């Protein structure tokens, strides 16, 4: 019988694949502006979950687990400079989480 955590893990893997492989064109700032989280948030949550299980991951290790490559390589390949409109929208949003 499939356990709930197995389904949740499958959904998580699908979300990460979608954001990293299927839609790398969607910028993190756009995700933050519309959904209130981005790939970096997922990496932070990944690191926090690891800590709950007694595993220590660095920020870079957690980001590589999400991005499938070092974060700097991802940025060079996919990240575009934020536009003034994106930055203005980001500044208007209340900050909902700690960085």
C-alpha atoms as a PDB file:
ATOM      1  CA  UNK A   1       0.000   0.000   0.000  1.00  0.00           C
ATOM      2  CA  UNK A   2       1.297   3.440  -0.879  1.00  0.00           C
ATOM      3  CA  UNK A   3       1.848   5.694   2.105  1.00  0.00           C
ATOM      4  CA  UNK A   4       0.927   9.390   2.117  1.00  0.00           C
ATOM      5  CA  UNK A   5       4.587  10.386   2.433  1.00  0.00           C
ATOM      6  CA  UNK A   6       5.376   8.485  -0.778  1.00  0.00           C
ATOM      7  CA  UNK A   7       2.701  10.429  -2.638  1.00  0.00           C
ATOM      8  CA  UNK A   8       3.956  13.678  -1.150  1.00  0.00           C
ATOM      9  CA  UNK A   9       7.513  12.840  -2.202  1.00  0.00           C
ATOM     10  CA  UNK A  10       6.331  12.076  -5.746  1.00  0.00           C
ATOM     11  CA  UNK A  11       4.503  15.416  -5.934  1.00  0.00           C
ATOM     12  CA  UNK A  12       7.588  17.218  -4.613  1.00  0.00           C
ATOM     13  CA  UNK A  13       9.776  15.575  -7.265  1.00  0.00           C
ATOM     14  CA  UNK A  14       7.268  16.556  -9.948  1.00  0.00           C
ATOM     15  CA  UNK A  15       7.206  20.171  -8.725  1.00  0.00           C
ATOM     16  CA  UNK A  16      11.000  20.411  -8.721  1.00  0.00           C
ATOM     17  CA  UNK A  17      11.201  18.836 -12.195  1.00  0.00           C
ATOM     18  CA  UNK A  18       8.581  21.245 -13.479  1.00  0.00           C
ATOM     19  CA  UNK A  19      10.374  24.312 -12.098  1.00  0.00           C
ATOM     20  CA  UNK A  20      13.889  23.209 -13.012  1.00  0.00           C
ATOM     21  CA  UNK A  21      13.591  21.166 -16.197  1.00  0.00           C
ATOM     22  CA  UNK A  22      10.251  22.023 -17.772  1.00  0.00           C
ATOM     23  CA  UNK A  23      10.067  25.747 -16.940  1.00  0.00           C
ATOM     24  CA  UNK A  24      13.551  27.142 -16.348  1.00  0.00           C
ATOM     25  CA  UNK A  25      12.348  30.237 -18.209  1.00  0.00           C
ATOM     26  CA  UNK A  26      10.162  31.236 -15.275  1.00  0.00           C
ATOM     27  CA  UNK A  27      12.291  33.575 -13.207  1.00  0.00           C
ATOM     28  CA  UNK A  28      12.521  33.241  -9.432  1.00  0.00           C
ATOM     29  CA  UNK A  29      11.386  36.839  -8.964  1.00  0.00           C
ATOM     30  CA  UNK A  30       8.235  36.084 -10.956  1.00  0.00           C
ATOM     31  CA  UNK A  31       7.575  33.061  -8.750  1.00  0.00           C
ATOM     32  CA  UNK A  32       8.067  35.230  -5.670  1.00  0.00           C
ATOM     33  CA  UNK A  33       5.766  37.912  -7.029  1.00  0.00           C
ATOM     34  CA  UNK A  34       2.958  35.513  -7.908  1.00  0.00           C
ATOM     35  CA  UNK A  35       3.307  32.547  -5.545  1.00  0.00           C
ATOM     36  CA  UNK A  36       5.322  33.908  -2.632  1.00  0.00           C
ATOM     37  CA  UNK A  37       8.069  31.301  -3.019  1.00  0.00           C
ATOM     38  CA  UNK A  38      10.771  30.374  -5.500  1.00  0.00           C
ATOM     39  CA  UNK A  39      13.374  27.695  -6.154  1.00  0.00           C
ATOM     40  CA  UNK A  40      15.612  29.175  -3.460  1.00  0.00           C
ATOM     41  CA  UNK A  41      12.737  28.892  -0.988  1.00  0.00           C
ATOM     42  CA  UNK A  42      12.416  25.211  -1.893  1.00  0.00           C
ATOM     43  CA  UNK A  43      16.127  24.795  -1.226  1.00  0.00           C
ATOM     44  CA  UNK A  44      15.721  26.484   2.165  1.00  0.00           C
ATOM     45  CA  UNK A  45      12.791  24.200   3.010  1.00  0.00           C
ATOM     46  CA  UNK A  46      14.844  21.198   1.858  1.00  0.00           C
ATOM     47  CA  UNK A  47      17.673  22.206   4.182  1.00  0.00           C
ATOM     48  CA  UNK A  48      15.265  22.791   7.078  1.00  0.00           C
ATOM     49  CA  UNK A  49      13.658  19.374   6.538  1.00  0.00           C
ATOM     50  CA  UNK A  50      17.091  17.752   6.454  1.00  0.00           C
ATOM     51  CA  UNK A  51      17.901  19.407   9.783  1.00  0.00           C
ATOM     52  CA  UNK A  52      14.708  17.956  11.283  1.00  0.00           C
ATOM     53  CA  UNK A  53      16.149  14.535  10.441  1.00  0.00           C
ATOM     54  CA  UNK A  54      19.530  15.417  11.919  1.00  0.00           C
ATOM     55  CA  UNK A  55      21.203  16.006   8.553  1.00  0.00           C
ATOM     56  CA  UNK A  56      23.303  19.099   8.018  1.00  0.00           C
ATOM     57  CA  UNK A  57      23.296  20.636   4.553  1.00  0.00           C
ATOM     58  CA  UNK A  58      24.860  23.898   3.498  1.00  0.00           C
ATOM     59  CA  UNK A  59      22.842  26.446   1.549  1.00  0.00           C
ATOM     60  CA  UNK A  60      24.872  25.555  -1.555  1.00  0.00           C
ATOM     61  CA  UNK A  61      24.252  21.821  -1.114  1.00  0.00           C
ATOM     62  CA  UNK A  62      20.525  22.379  -0.704  1.00  0.00           C
ATOM     63  CA  UNK A  63      20.361  24.620  -3.756  1.00  0.00           C
ATOM     64  CA  UNK A  64      22.258  22.072  -5.838  1.00  0.00           C
ATOM     65  CA  UNK A  65      19.749  19.417  -4.746  1.00  0.00           C
ATOM     66  CA  UNK A  66      16.911  21.608  -6.067  1.00  0.00           C
ATOM     67  CA  UNK A  67      18.559  23.060  -9.165  1.00  0.00           C
ATOM     68  CA  UNK A  68      20.327  19.854 -10.194  1.00  0.00           C
ATOM     69  CA  UNK A  69      23.557  21.820 -10.583  1.00  0.00           C
ATOM     70  CA  UNK A  70      25.501  24.445  -8.650  1.00  0.00           C
ATOM     71  CA  UNK A  71      23.390  27.564  -8.188  1.00  0.00           C
ATOM     72  CA  UNK A  72      25.935  29.802  -9.924  1.00  0.00           C
ATOM     73  CA  UNK A  73      25.779  27.559 -13.009  1.00  0.00           C
ATOM     74  CA  UNK A  74      21.972  27.769 -12.978  1.00  0.00           C
ATOM     75  CA  UNK A  75      22.075  31.545 -12.696  1.00  0.00           C
ATOM     76  CA  UNK A  76      24.523  31.836 -15.582  1.00  0.00           C
ATOM     77  CA  UNK A  77      22.399  29.579 -17.765  1.00  0.00           C
ATOM     78  CA  UNK A  78      18.849  30.658 -16.902  1.00  0.00           C
ATOM     79  CA  UNK A  79      18.575  33.750 -14.732  1.00  0.00           C
ATOM     80  CA  UNK A  80      17.999  37.102 -16.365  1.00  0.00           C
ATOM     81  CA  UNK A  81      18.415  40.458 -14.639  1.00  0.00           C
ATOM     82  CA  UNK A  82      15.228  41.547 -12.915  1.00  0.00           C
ATOM     83  CA  UNK A  83      13.362  44.288 -14.708  1.00  0.00           C
ATOM     84  CA  UNK A  84      12.365  47.502 -12.944  1.00  0.00           C
ATOM     85  CA  UNK A  85       8.732  46.301 -13.059  1.00  0.00           C
ATOM     86  CA  UNK A  86       9.630  42.957 -11.446  1.00  0.00           C
ATOM     87  CA  UNK A  87      11.622  44.696  -8.721  1.00  0.00           C
ATOM     88  CA  UNK A  88       8.819  47.193  -8.049  1.00  0.00           C
ATOM     89  CA  UNK A  89       6.278  44.366  -7.747  1.00  0.00           C
ATOM     90  CA  UNK A  90       8.610  42.505  -5.390  1.00  0.00           C
ATOM     91  CA  UNK A  91       9.061  45.557  -3.192  1.00  0.00           C
ATOM     92  CA  UNK A  92       5.271  45.988  -2.897  1.00  0.00           C
ATOM     93  CA  UNK A  93       4.777  42.426  -1.611  1.00  0.00           C
ATOM     94  CA  UNK A  94       4.895  41.884   2.124  1.00  0.00           C
ATOM     95  CA  UNK A  95       7.788  39.655   3.072  1.00  0.00           C
ATOM     96  CA  UNK A  96       6.243  36.428   4.305  1.00  0.00           C
ATOM     97  CA  UNK A  97       9.341  34.461   5.206  1.00  0.00           C
ATOM     98  CA  UNK A  98      12.834  34.947   6.464  1.00  0.00           C
ATOM     99  CA  UNK A  99      15.658  34.590   3.955  1.00  0.00           C
END
